[in-house]
């Protein structure tokens, strides 16, 4: 990983606008918001504004690393382009309890 990502940070410290990179080191977007189940401290994933102008949901297992200045994914740029939008079109932050249930509803 490039050293300019900064130190690894907890997902809760990732700021909106942080660059998101594919597994091939290609910038695929920026962080729009973080989804979690705050009551149980479970990271659900993140919503990104992708470079093609669409808002996409990246599931937690597809996030390799969260750092001060970048988020690194385990998937390629082509795979990012196949990701769907967040449920409800990315309405509001899903930091409230129930974020995990939203994730499971999205997958049905």
PDB file of N, CA and C in Angstrom:
ATOM      1  N   UNK A   1       0.839  -1.182   0.000  1.00  0.00           N
ATOM      2  CA  UNK A   1       0.000   0.000   0.000  1.00  0.00           C
ATOM      3  C   UNK A   1       0.888   1.252   0.000  1.00  0.00           C
ATOM      4  N   UNK A   2       0.512   2.229  -0.760  1.00  0.00           N
ATOM      5  CA  UNK A   2       1.295   3.466  -0.753  1.00  0.00           C
ATOM      6  C   UNK A   2       1.321   4.091   0.632  1.00  0.00           C
ATOM      7  N   UNK A   3       2.469   4.617   1.006  1.00  0.00           N
ATOM      8  CA  UNK A   3       2.622   5.201   2.337  1.00  0.00           C
ATOM      9  C   UNK A   3       1.835   6.496   2.495  1.00  0.00           C
ATOM     10  N   UNK A   4       1.397   7.122   1.396  1.00  0.00           N
ATOM     11  CA  UNK A   4       0.677   8.386   1.505  1.00  0.00           C
ATOM     12  C   UNK A   4      -0.774   8.203   1.950  1.00  0.00           C
ATOM     13  N   UNK A   5      -1.228   6.957   2.192  1.00  0.00           N
ATOM     14  CA  UNK A   5      -2.569   6.722   2.735  1.00  0.00           C
ATOM     15  C   UNK A   5      -2.644   7.172   4.188  1.00  0.00           C
ATOM     16  N   UNK A   6      -1.517   7.248   4.854  1.00  0.00           N
ATOM     17  CA  UNK A   6      -1.503   7.580   6.271  1.00  0.00           C
ATOM     18  C   UNK A   6      -1.693   6.340   7.114  1.00  0.00           C
ATOM     19  N   UNK A   7      -1.891   6.570   8.383  1.00  0.00           N
ATOM     20  CA  UNK A   7      -2.075   5.468   9.320  1.00  0.00           C
ATOM     21  C   UNK A   7      -3.442   4.827   9.150  1.00  0.00           C
ATOM     22  N   UNK A   8      -3.529   3.543   9.437  1.00  0.00           N
ATOM     23  CA  UNK A   8      -4.818   2.861   9.457  1.00  0.00           C
ATOM     24  C   UNK A   8      -5.670   3.477  10.561  1.00  0.00           C
ATOM     25  N   UNK A   9      -6.956   3.647  10.280  1.00  0.00           N
ATOM     26  CA  UNK A   9      -7.887   4.211  11.257  1.00  0.00           C
ATOM     27  C   UNK A   9      -9.134   3.345  11.313  1.00  0.00           C
ATOM     28  N   UNK A  10      -9.862   3.442  12.389  1.00  0.00           N
ATOM     29  CA  UNK A  10     -11.142   2.781  12.519  1.00  0.00           C
ATOM     30  C   UNK A  10     -12.097   3.360  11.483  1.00  0.00           C
ATOM     31  N   UNK A  11     -13.007   2.553  10.999  1.00  0.00           N
ATOM     32  CA  UNK A  11     -13.946   3.023   9.977  1.00  0.00           C
ATOM     33  C   UNK A  11     -14.721   4.260  10.420  1.00  0.00           C
ATOM     34  N   UNK A  12     -14.939   4.424  11.716  1.00  0.00           N
ATOM     35  CA  UNK A  12     -15.700   5.574  12.204  1.00  0.00           C
ATOM     36  C   UNK A  12     -14.937   6.885  12.030  1.00  0.00           C
ATOM     37  N   UNK A  13     -13.631   6.812  11.789  1.00  0.00           N
ATOM     38  CA  UNK A  13     -12.811   8.013  11.630  1.00  0.00           C
ATOM     39  C   UNK A  13     -12.674   8.435  10.169  1.00  0.00           C
ATOM     40  N   UNK A  14     -13.194   7.642   9.244  1.00  0.00           N
ATOM     41  CA  UNK A  14     -13.090   7.978   7.818  1.00  0.00           C
ATOM     42  C   UNK A  14     -14.039   9.133   7.513  1.00  0.00           C
ATOM     43  N   UNK A  15     -13.511  10.147   6.874  1.00  0.00           N
ATOM     44  CA  UNK A  15     -14.274  11.358   6.569  1.00  0.00           C
ATOM     45  C   UNK A  15     -14.904  11.293   5.178  1.00  0.00           C
ATOM     46  N   UNK A  16     -16.079  11.889   5.014  1.00  0.00           N
ATOM     47  CA  UNK A  16     -16.637  12.027   3.664  1.00  0.00           C
ATOM     48  C   UNK A  16     -15.632  12.742   2.769  1.00  0.00           C
ATOM     49  N   UNK A  17     -15.574  12.323   1.522  1.00  0.00           N
ATOM     50  CA  UNK A  17     -14.634  12.914   0.572  1.00  0.00           C
ATOM     51  C   UNK A  17     -13.302  12.188   0.498  1.00  0.00           C
ATOM     52  N   UNK A  18     -13.073  11.226   1.386  1.00  0.00           N
ATOM     53  CA  UNK A  18     -11.838  10.447   1.360  1.00  0.00           C
ATOM     54  C   UNK A  18     -11.788   9.625   0.067  1.00  0.00           C
ATOM     55  N   UNK A  19     -10.665   9.643  -0.660  1.00  0.00           N
ATOM     56  CA  UNK A  19     -10.557   8.854  -1.892  1.00  0.00           C
ATOM     57  C   UNK A  19     -10.678   7.359  -1.622  1.00  0.00           C
ATOM     58  N   UNK A  20     -11.319   6.651  -2.558  1.00  0.00           N
ATOM     59  CA  UNK A  20     -11.487   5.194  -2.480  1.00  0.00           C
ATOM     60  C   UNK A  20     -10.770   4.592  -3.688  1.00  0.00           C
ATOM     61  N   UNK A  21      -9.931   3.576  -3.422  1.00  0.00           N
ATOM     62  CA  UNK A  21      -9.123   2.944  -4.463  1.00  0.00           C
ATOM     63  C   UNK A  21      -9.462   1.470  -4.609  1.00  0.00           C
ATOM     64  N   UNK A  22      -9.448   1.004  -5.852  1.00  0.00           N
ATOM     65  CA  UNK A  22      -9.677  -0.411  -6.146  1.00  0.00           C
ATOM     66  C   UNK A  22      -8.446  -1.223  -5.766  1.00  0.00           C
ATOM     67  N   UNK A  23      -8.554  -2.541  -5.902  1.00  0.00           N
ATOM     68  CA  UNK A  23      -7.427  -3.426  -5.612  1.00  0.00           C
ATOM     69  C   UNK A  23      -6.269  -3.214  -6.585  1.00  0.00           C
ATOM     70  N   UNK A  24      -6.547  -2.560  -7.730  1.00  0.00           N
ATOM     71  CA  UNK A  24      -5.484  -2.267  -8.704  1.00  0.00           C
ATOM     72  C   UNK A  24      -4.904  -0.863  -8.522  1.00  0.00           C
ATOM     73  N   UNK A  25      -5.248  -0.213  -7.415  1.00  0.00           N
ATOM     74  CA  UNK A  25      -4.737   1.120  -7.098  1.00  0.00           C
ATOM     75  C   UNK A  25      -5.313   2.213  -7.999  1.00  0.00           C
ATOM     76  N   UNK A  26      -6.522   1.999  -8.518  1.00  0.00           N
ATOM     77  CA  UNK A  26      -7.201   3.004  -9.336  1.00  0.00           C
ATOM     78  C   UNK A  26      -8.253   3.692  -8.477  1.00  0.00           C
ATOM     79  N   UNK A  27      -8.273   5.028  -8.501  1.00  0.00           N
ATOM     80  CA  UNK A  27      -9.299   5.715  -7.726  1.00  0.00           C
ATOM     81  C   UNK A  27     -10.649   5.469  -8.379  1.00  0.00           C
ATOM     82  N   UNK A  28     -11.592   4.956  -7.561  1.00  0.00           N
ATOM     83  CA  UNK A  28     -12.923   4.609  -8.071  1.00  0.00           C
ATOM     84  C   UNK A  28     -14.004   5.512  -7.518  1.00  0.00           C
ATOM     85  N   UNK A  29     -13.631   6.430  -6.637  1.00  0.00           N
ATOM     86  CA  UNK A  29     -14.606   7.353  -6.084  1.00  0.00           C
ATOM     87  C   UNK A  29     -14.132   7.955  -4.787  1.00  0.00           C
ATOM     88  N   UNK A  30     -15.094   8.545  -4.071  1.00  0.00           N
ATOM     89  CA  UNK A  30     -14.828   9.124  -2.759  1.00  0.00           C
ATOM     90  C   UNK A  30     -15.919   8.667  -1.796  1.00  0.00           C
ATOM     91  N   UNK A  31     -15.581   8.662  -0.522  1.00  0.00           N
ATOM     92  CA  UNK A  31     -16.537   8.248   0.497  1.00  0.00           C
ATOM     93  C   UNK A  31     -17.663   9.277   0.586  1.00  0.00           C
ATOM     94  N   UNK A  32     -18.888   8.803   0.534  1.00  0.00           N
ATOM     95  CA  UNK A  32     -20.054   9.651   0.757  1.00  0.00           C
ATOM     96  C   UNK A  32     -20.493   9.529   2.215  1.00  0.00           C
ATOM     97  N   UNK A  33     -20.666   8.276   2.674  1.00  0.00           N
ATOM     98  CA  UNK A  33     -21.011   8.040   4.068  1.00  0.00           C
ATOM     99  C   UNK A  33     -20.643   6.615   4.469  1.00  0.00           C
ATOM    100  N   UNK A  34     -20.533   6.417   5.769  1.00  0.00           N
ATOM    101  CA  UNK A  34     -20.227   5.119   6.352  1.00  0.00           C
ATOM    102  C   UNK A  34     -21.522   4.546   6.924  1.00  0.00           C
ATOM    103  N   UNK A  35     -21.752   3.254   6.673  1.00  0.00           N
ATOM    104  CA  UNK A  35     -22.918   2.585   7.244  1.00  0.00           C
ATOM    105  C   UNK A  35     -22.439   1.624   8.316  1.00  0.00           C
ATOM    106  N   UNK A  36     -23.074   1.697   9.476  1.00  0.00           N
ATOM    107  CA  UNK A  36     -22.746   0.758  10.540  1.00  0.00           C
ATOM    108  C   UNK A  36     -23.948   0.518  11.430  1.00  0.00           C
ATOM    109  N   UNK A  37     -23.819  -0.462  12.282  1.00  0.00           N
ATOM    110  CA  UNK A  37     -24.787  -0.733  13.329  1.00  0.00           C
ATOM    111  C   UNK A  37     -24.093  -0.264  14.596  1.00  0.00           C
ATOM    112  N   UNK A  38     -24.337   0.972  14.977  1.00  0.00           N
ATOM    113  CA  UNK A  38     -23.587   1.583  16.076  1.00  0.00           C
ATOM    114  C   UNK A  38     -23.830   0.898  17.412  1.00  0.00           C
ATOM    115  N   UNK A  39     -25.003   0.356  17.602  1.00  0.00           N
ATOM    116  CA  UNK A  39     -25.297  -0.305  18.871  1.00  0.00           C
ATOM    117  C   UNK A  39     -24.388  -1.522  19.063  1.00  0.00           C
ATOM    118  N   UNK A  40     -24.103  -2.240  17.984  1.00  0.00           N
ATOM    119  CA  UNK A  40     -23.277  -3.444  18.079  1.00  0.00           C
ATOM    120  C   UNK A  40     -21.869  -3.246  17.544  1.00  0.00           C
ATOM    121  N   UNK A  41     -21.536  -2.029  17.113  1.00  0.00           N
ATOM    122  CA  UNK A  41     -20.208  -1.705  16.596  1.00  0.00           C
ATOM    123  C   UNK A  41     -19.821  -2.607  15.422  1.00  0.00           C
ATOM    124  N   UNK A  42     -20.733  -2.735  14.468  1.00  0.00           N
ATOM    125  CA  UNK A  42     -20.499  -3.555  13.293  1.00  0.00           C
ATOM    126  C   UNK A  42     -20.460  -2.651  12.064  1.00  0.00           C
ATOM    127  N   UNK A  43     -19.390  -2.742  11.313  1.00  0.00           N
ATOM    128  CA  UNK A  43     -19.226  -1.996  10.071  1.00  0.00           C
ATOM    129  C   UNK A  43     -20.015  -2.706   8.975  1.00  0.00           C
ATOM    130  N   UNK A  44     -21.015  -2.018   8.400  1.00  0.00           N
ATOM    131  CA  UNK A  44     -21.839  -2.587   7.328  1.00  0.00           C
ATOM    132  C   UNK A  44     -21.203  -2.378   5.957  1.00  0.00           C
ATOM    133  N   UNK A  45     -20.591  -1.225   5.761  1.00  0.00           N
ATOM    134  CA  UNK A  45     -20.007  -0.890   4.466  1.00  0.00           C
ATOM    135  C   UNK A  45     -19.981   0.608   4.292  1.00  0.00           C
ATOM    136  N   UNK A  46     -19.757   1.023   3.063  1.00  0.00           N
ATOM    137  CA  UNK A  46     -19.732   2.459   2.805  1.00  0.00           C
ATOM    138  C   UNK A  46     -20.407   2.780   1.493  1.00  0.00           C
ATOM    139  N   UNK A  47     -20.869   3.992   1.419  1.00  0.00           N
ATOM    140  CA  UNK A  47     -21.477   4.507   0.198  1.00  0.00           C
ATOM    141  C   UNK A  47     -20.449   5.428  -0.432  1.00  0.00           C
ATOM    142  N   UNK A  48     -20.199   5.211  -1.720  1.00  0.00           N
ATOM    143  CA  UNK A  48     -19.228   6.053  -2.415  1.00  0.00           C
ATOM    144  C   UNK A  48     -19.901   6.814  -3.546  1.00  0.00           C
ATOM    145  N   UNK A  49     -19.341   7.971  -3.825  1.00  0.00           N
ATOM    146  CA  UNK A  49     -19.653   8.691  -5.055  1.00  0.00           C
ATOM    147  C   UNK A  49     -18.609   8.210  -6.041  1.00  0.00           C
ATOM    148  N   UNK A  50     -19.015   7.343  -6.988  1.00  0.00           N
ATOM    149  CA  UNK A  50     -18.046   6.755  -7.901  1.00  0.00           C
ATOM    150  C   UNK A  50     -17.630   7.752  -8.975  1.00  0.00           C
ATOM    151  N   UNK A  51     -16.528   7.440  -9.635  1.00  0.00           N
ATOM    152  CA  UNK A  51     -15.986   8.355 -10.643  1.00  0.00           C
ATOM    153  C   UNK A  51     -16.893   8.494 -11.853  1.00  0.00           C
ATOM    154  N   UNK A  52     -17.857   7.565 -12.020  1.00  0.00           N
ATOM    155  CA  UNK A  52     -18.791   7.697 -13.138  1.00  0.00           C
ATOM    156  C   UNK A  52     -20.039   8.495 -12.754  1.00  0.00           C
ATOM    157  N   UNK A  53     -20.019   9.079 -11.543  1.00  0.00           N
ATOM    158  CA  UNK A  53     -21.113   9.940 -11.113  1.00  0.00           C
ATOM    159  C   UNK A  53     -22.252   9.229 -10.407  1.00  0.00           C
ATOM    160  N   UNK A  54     -22.123   7.931 -10.190  1.00  0.00           N
ATOM    161  CA  UNK A  54     -23.184   7.173  -9.517  1.00  0.00           C
ATOM    162  C   UNK A  54     -22.814   6.916  -8.068  1.00  0.00           C
ATOM    163  N   UNK A  55     -23.822   6.825  -7.243  1.00  0.00           N
ATOM    164  CA  UNK A  55     -23.623   6.479  -5.837  1.00  0.00           C
ATOM    165  C   UNK A  55     -23.750   4.963  -5.723  1.00  0.00           C
ATOM    166  N   UNK A  56     -22.751   4.325  -5.076  1.00  0.00           N
ATOM    167  CA  UNK A  56     -22.706   2.865  -4.983  1.00  0.00           C
ATOM    168  C   UNK A  56     -22.455   2.428  -3.547  1.00  0.00           C
ATOM    169  N   UNK A  57     -22.998   1.254  -3.196  1.00  0.00           N
ATOM    170  CA  UNK A  57     -22.778   0.685  -1.871  1.00  0.00           C
ATOM    171  C   UNK A  57     -21.674  -0.363  -1.954  1.00  0.00           C
ATOM    172  N   UNK A  58     -20.656  -0.213  -1.094  1.00  0.00           N
ATOM    173  CA  UNK A  58     -19.557  -1.167  -0.998  1.00  0.00           C
ATOM    174  C   UNK A  58     -19.723  -1.914   0.319  1.00  0.00           C
ATOM    175  N   UNK A  59     -19.971  -3.222   0.237  1.00  0.00           N
ATOM    176  CA  UNK A  59     -20.173  -4.052   1.417  1.00  0.00           C
ATOM    177  C   UNK A  59     -18.872  -4.167   2.214  1.00  0.00           C
ATOM    178  N   UNK A  60     -18.986  -4.276   3.526  1.00  0.00           N
ATOM    179  CA  UNK A  60     -17.820  -4.305   4.418  1.00  0.00           C
ATOM    180  C   UNK A  60     -16.737  -5.304   4.004  1.00  0.00           C
ATOM    181  N   UNK A  61     -17.060  -6.544   3.602  1.00  0.00           N
ATOM    182  CA  UNK A  61     -15.994  -7.478   3.228  1.00  0.00           C
ATOM    183  C   UNK A  61     -15.170  -7.029   2.010  1.00  0.00           C
ATOM    184  N   UNK A  62     -15.691  -6.073   1.262  1.00  0.00           N
ATOM    185  CA  UNK A  62     -14.974  -5.569   0.091  1.00  0.00           C
ATOM    186  C   UNK A  62     -14.047  -4.407   0.438  1.00  0.00           C
ATOM    187  N   UNK A  63     -14.002  -4.024   1.708  1.00  0.00           N
ATOM    188  CA  UNK A  63     -13.122  -2.950   2.175  1.00  0.00           C
ATOM    189  C   UNK A  63     -11.895  -3.581   2.827  1.00  0.00           C
ATOM    190  N   UNK A  64     -10.744  -3.362   2.210  1.00  0.00           N
ATOM    191  CA  UNK A  64      -9.501  -3.960   2.711  1.00  0.00           C
ATOM    192  C   UNK A  64      -8.889  -3.148   3.836  1.00  0.00           C
ATOM    193  N   UNK A  65      -8.950  -1.813   3.713  1.00  0.00           N
ATOM    194  CA  UNK A  65      -8.242  -0.957   4.667  1.00  0.00           C
ATOM    195  C   UNK A  65      -8.867   0.419   4.695  1.00  0.00           C
ATOM    196  N   UNK A  66      -9.022   0.947   5.897  1.00  0.00           N
ATOM    197  CA  UNK A  66      -9.436   2.338   6.051  1.00  0.00           C
ATOM    198  C   UNK A  66      -8.259   3.068   6.676  1.00  0.00           C
ATOM    199  N   UNK A  67      -7.858   4.163   6.070  1.00  0.00           N
ATOM    200  CA  UNK A  67      -6.700   4.924   6.530  1.00  0.00           C
ATOM    201  C   UNK A  67      -7.053   6.405   6.597  1.00  0.00           C
ATOM    202  N   UNK A  68      -6.107   7.184   7.095  1.00  0.00           N
ATOM    203  CA  UNK A  68      -6.333   8.626   7.258  1.00  0.00           C
ATOM    204  C   UNK A  68      -6.727   9.322   5.959  1.00  0.00           C
ATOM    205  N   UNK A  69      -6.073   8.937   4.871  1.00  0.00           N
ATOM    206  CA  UNK A  69      -6.267   9.668   3.616  1.00  0.00           C
ATOM    207  C   UNK A  69      -6.754   8.803   2.452  1.00  0.00           C
ATOM    208  N   UNK A  70      -7.150   7.558   2.720  1.00  0.00           N
ATOM    209  CA  UNK A  70      -7.625   6.698   1.630  1.00  0.00           C
ATOM    210  C   UNK A  70      -8.337   5.474   2.184  1.00  0.00           C
ATOM    211  N   UNK A  71      -9.234   4.944   1.364  1.00  0.00           N
ATOM    212  CA  UNK A  71      -9.869   3.658   1.631  1.00  0.00           C
ATOM    213  C   UNK A  71      -9.447   2.743   0.494  1.00  0.00           C
ATOM    214  N   UNK A  72      -9.018   1.538   0.844  1.00  0.00           N
ATOM    215  CA  UNK A  72      -8.581   0.543  -0.143  1.00  0.00           C
ATOM    216  C   UNK A  72      -9.581  -0.603  -0.171  1.00  0.00           C
ATOM    217  N   UNK A  73      -9.949  -1.032  -1.379  1.00  0.00           N
ATOM    218  CA  UNK A  73     -10.920  -2.108  -1.550  1.00  0.00           C
ATOM    219  C   UNK A  73     -10.232  -3.409  -1.955  1.00  0.00           C
ATOM    220  N   UNK A  74     -10.942  -4.506  -1.790  1.00  0.00           N
ATOM    221  CA  UNK A  74     -10.448  -5.827  -2.198  1.00  0.00           C
ATOM    222  C   UNK A  74     -10.903  -6.175  -3.606  1.00  0.00           C
ATOM    223  N   UNK A  75     -11.671  -5.291  -4.236  1.00  0.00           N
ATOM    224  CA  UNK A  75     -12.239  -5.566  -5.556  1.00  0.00           C
ATOM    225  C   UNK A  75     -11.669  -4.616  -6.607  1.00  0.00           C
ATOM    226  N   UNK A  76     -11.796  -5.034  -7.858  1.00  0.00           N
ATOM    227  CA  UNK A  76     -11.261  -4.254  -8.973  1.00  0.00           C
ATOM    228  C   UNK A  76     -12.187  -3.092  -9.337  1.00  0.00           C
ATOM    229  N   UNK A  77     -11.675  -2.198 -10.152  1.00  0.00           N
ATOM    230  CA  UNK A  77     -12.483  -1.069 -10.627  1.00  0.00           C
ATOM    231  C   UNK A  77     -13.685  -1.572 -11.425  1.00  0.00           C
ATOM    232  N   UNK A  78     -13.501  -2.622 -12.219  1.00  0.00           N
ATOM    233  CA  UNK A  78     -14.613  -3.177 -12.995  1.00  0.00           C
ATOM    234  C   UNK A  78     -15.689  -3.735 -12.062  1.00  0.00           C
ATOM    235  N   UNK A  79     -15.270  -4.361 -10.973  1.00  0.00           N
ATOM    236  CA  UNK A  79     -16.239  -4.891 -10.007  1.00  0.00           C
ATOM    237  C   UNK A  79     -16.979  -3.761  -9.292  1.00  0.00           C
ATOM    238  N   UNK A  80     -16.290  -2.666  -9.032  1.00  0.00           N
ATOM    239  CA  UNK A  80     -16.950  -1.507  -8.411  1.00  0.00           C
ATOM    240  C   UNK A  80     -18.064  -1.005  -9.323  1.00  0.00           C
ATOM    241  N   UNK A  81     -17.813  -0.991 -10.624  1.00  0.00           N
ATOM    242  CA  UNK A  81     -18.821  -0.515 -11.578  1.00  0.00           C
ATOM    243  C   UNK A  81     -20.070  -1.382 -11.582  1.00  0.00           C
ATOM    244  N   UNK A  82     -19.968  -2.608 -11.084  1.00  0.00           N
ATOM    245  CA  UNK A  82     -21.111  -3.523 -11.027  1.00  0.00           C
ATOM    246  C   UNK A  82     -21.915  -3.385  -9.738  1.00  0.00           C
ATOM    247  N   UNK A  83     -21.398  -2.632  -8.765  1.00  0.00           N
ATOM    248  CA  UNK A  83     -22.096  -2.471  -7.490  1.00  0.00           C
ATOM    249  C   UNK A  83     -23.343  -1.623  -7.667  1.00  0.00           C
ATOM    250  N   UNK A  84     -24.361  -1.951  -6.888  1.00  0.00           N
ATOM    251  CA  UNK A  84     -25.615  -1.221  -6.961  1.00  0.00           C
ATOM    252  C   UNK A  84     -25.637  -0.025  -6.024  1.00  0.00           C
ATOM    253  N   UNK A  85     -26.696   0.754  -6.130  1.00  0.00           N
ATOM    254  CA  UNK A  85     -26.857   1.908  -5.247  1.00  0.00           C
ATOM    255  C   UNK A  85     -27.237   1.452  -3.845  1.00  0.00           C
ATOM    256  N   UNK A  86     -27.038   2.321  -2.861  1.00  0.00           N
ATOM    257  CA  UNK A  86     -27.486   1.982  -1.513  1.00  0.00           C
ATOM    258  C   UNK A  86     -29.014   1.940  -1.486  1.00  0.00           C
ATOM    259  N   UNK A  87     -29.567   1.160  -0.579  1.00  0.00           N
ATOM    260  CA  UNK A  87     -31.024   1.083  -0.444  1.00  0.00           C
ATOM    261  C   UNK A  87     -31.567   2.469  -0.153  1.00  0.00           C
ATOM    262  N   UNK A  88     -32.622   2.832  -0.817  1.00  0.00           N
ATOM    263  CA  UNK A  88     -33.224   4.138  -0.603  1.00  0.00           C
ATOM    264  C   UNK A  88     -32.470   5.250  -1.301  1.00  0.00           C
ATOM    265  N   UNK A  89     -31.545   4.899  -2.196  1.00  0.00           N
ATOM    266  CA  UNK A  89     -30.814   5.906  -2.948  1.00  0.00           C
ATOM    267  C   UNK A  89     -29.812   6.666  -2.120  1.00  0.00           C
ATOM    268  N   UNK A  90     -29.402   6.134  -0.977  1.00  0.00           N
ATOM    269  CA  UNK A  90     -28.398   6.795  -0.159  1.00  0.00           C
ATOM    270  C   UNK A  90     -28.966   7.955   0.612  1.00  0.00           C
ATOM    271  N   UNK A  91     -30.231   7.857   0.977  1.00  0.00           N
ATOM    272  CA  UNK A  91     -30.933   8.918   1.683  1.00  0.00           C
ATOM    273  C   UNK A  91     -30.161   9.575   2.788  1.00  0.00           C
ATOM    274  N   UNK A  92     -30.104   9.017   3.951  1.00  0.00           N
ATOM    275  CA  UNK A  92     -29.400   9.648   5.044  1.00  0.00           C
ATOM    276  C   UNK A  92     -28.376   8.716   5.625  1.00  0.00           C
ATOM    277  N   UNK A  93     -27.582   9.223   6.534  1.00  0.00           N
ATOM    278  CA  UNK A  93     -26.590   8.367   7.176  1.00  0.00           C
ATOM    279  C   UNK A  93     -27.270   7.190   7.851  1.00  0.00           C
ATOM    280  N   UNK A  94     -26.660   6.043   7.764  1.00  0.00           N
ATOM    281  CA  UNK A  94     -27.224   4.838   8.379  1.00  0.00           C
ATOM    282  C   UNK A  94     -26.411   4.453   9.604  1.00  0.00           C
ATOM    283  N   UNK A  95     -26.009   5.422  10.380  1.00  0.00           N
ATOM    284  CA  UNK A  95     -25.227   5.139  11.572  1.00  0.00           C
ATOM    285  C   UNK A  95     -26.107   4.697  12.728  1.00  0.00           C
ATOM    286  N   UNK A  96     -27.402   4.801  12.577  1.00  0.00           N
ATOM    287  CA  UNK A  96     -28.307   4.392  13.650  1.00  0.00           C
ATOM    288  C   UNK A  96     -28.416   2.884  13.684  1.00  0.00           C
ATOM    289  N   UNK A  97     -28.789   2.355  14.835  1.00  0.00           N
ATOM    290  CA  UNK A  97     -29.045   0.923  14.935  1.00  0.00           C
ATOM    291  C   UNK A  97     -30.060   0.573  13.870  1.00  0.00           C
ATOM    292  N   UNK A  98     -29.914  -0.577  13.300  1.00  0.00           N
ATOM    293  CA  UNK A  98     -30.798  -0.974  12.213  1.00  0.00           C
ATOM    294  C   UNK A  98     -30.099  -0.898  10.877  1.00  0.00           C
ATOM    295  N   UNK A  99     -28.904  -0.352  10.845  1.00  0.00           N
ATOM    296  CA  UNK A  99     -28.150  -0.314   9.604  1.00  0.00           C
ATOM    297  C   UNK A  99     -27.894  -1.705   9.070  1.00  0.00           C
ATOM    298  N   UNK A 100     -27.625  -2.656   9.967  1.00  0.00           N
ATOM    299  CA  UNK A 100     -27.378  -4.020   9.542  1.00  0.00           C
ATOM    300  C   UNK A 100     -28.644  -4.626   8.942  1.00  0.00           C
ATOM    301  N   UNK A 101     -29.791  -4.343   9.521  1.00  0.00           N
ATOM    302  CA  UNK A 101     -31.029  -4.887   8.951  1.00  0.00           C
ATOM    303  C   UNK A 101     -31.284  -4.279   7.575  1.00  0.00           C
ATOM    304  N   UNK A 102     -30.902  -3.036   7.367  1.00  0.00           N
ATOM    305  CA  UNK A 102     -31.037  -2.438   6.039  1.00  0.00           C
ATOM    306  C   UNK A 102     -30.166  -3.192   5.043  1.00  0.00           C
ATOM    307  N   UNK A 103     -28.977  -3.567   5.472  1.00  0.00           N
ATOM    308  CA  UNK A 103     -28.072  -4.306   4.603  1.00  0.00           C
ATOM    309  C   UNK A 103     -28.693  -5.636   4.208  1.00  0.00           C
ATOM    310  N   UNK A 104     -29.268  -6.361   5.165  1.00  0.00           N
ATOM    311  CA  UNK A 104     -29.848  -7.651   4.856  1.00  0.00           C
ATOM    312  C   UNK A 104     -31.080  -7.503   3.964  1.00  0.00           C
ATOM    313  N   UNK A 105     -31.875  -6.471   4.172  1.00  0.00           N
ATOM    314  CA  UNK A 105     -33.029  -6.240   3.288  1.00  0.00           C
ATOM    315  C   UNK A 105     -32.568  -5.968   1.868  1.00  0.00           C
ATOM    316  N   UNK A 106     -31.465  -5.247   1.732  1.00  0.00           N
ATOM    317  CA  UNK A 106     -30.941  -4.908   0.422  1.00  0.00           C
ATOM    318  C   UNK A 106     -30.547  -6.156  -0.369  1.00  0.00           C
ATOM    319  N   UNK A 107     -30.109  -7.194   0.322  1.00  0.00           N
ATOM    320  CA  UNK A 107     -29.613  -8.385  -0.349  1.00  0.00           C
ATOM    321  C   UNK A 107     -30.702  -9.382  -0.729  1.00  0.00           C
ATOM    322  N   UNK A 108     -31.922  -9.174  -0.336  1.00  0.00           N
ATOM    323  CA  UNK A 108     -32.982 -10.144  -0.662  1.00  0.00           C
ATOM    324  C   UNK A 108     -33.265 -10.197  -2.131  1.00  0.00           C
TER     325      UNK A 108
END
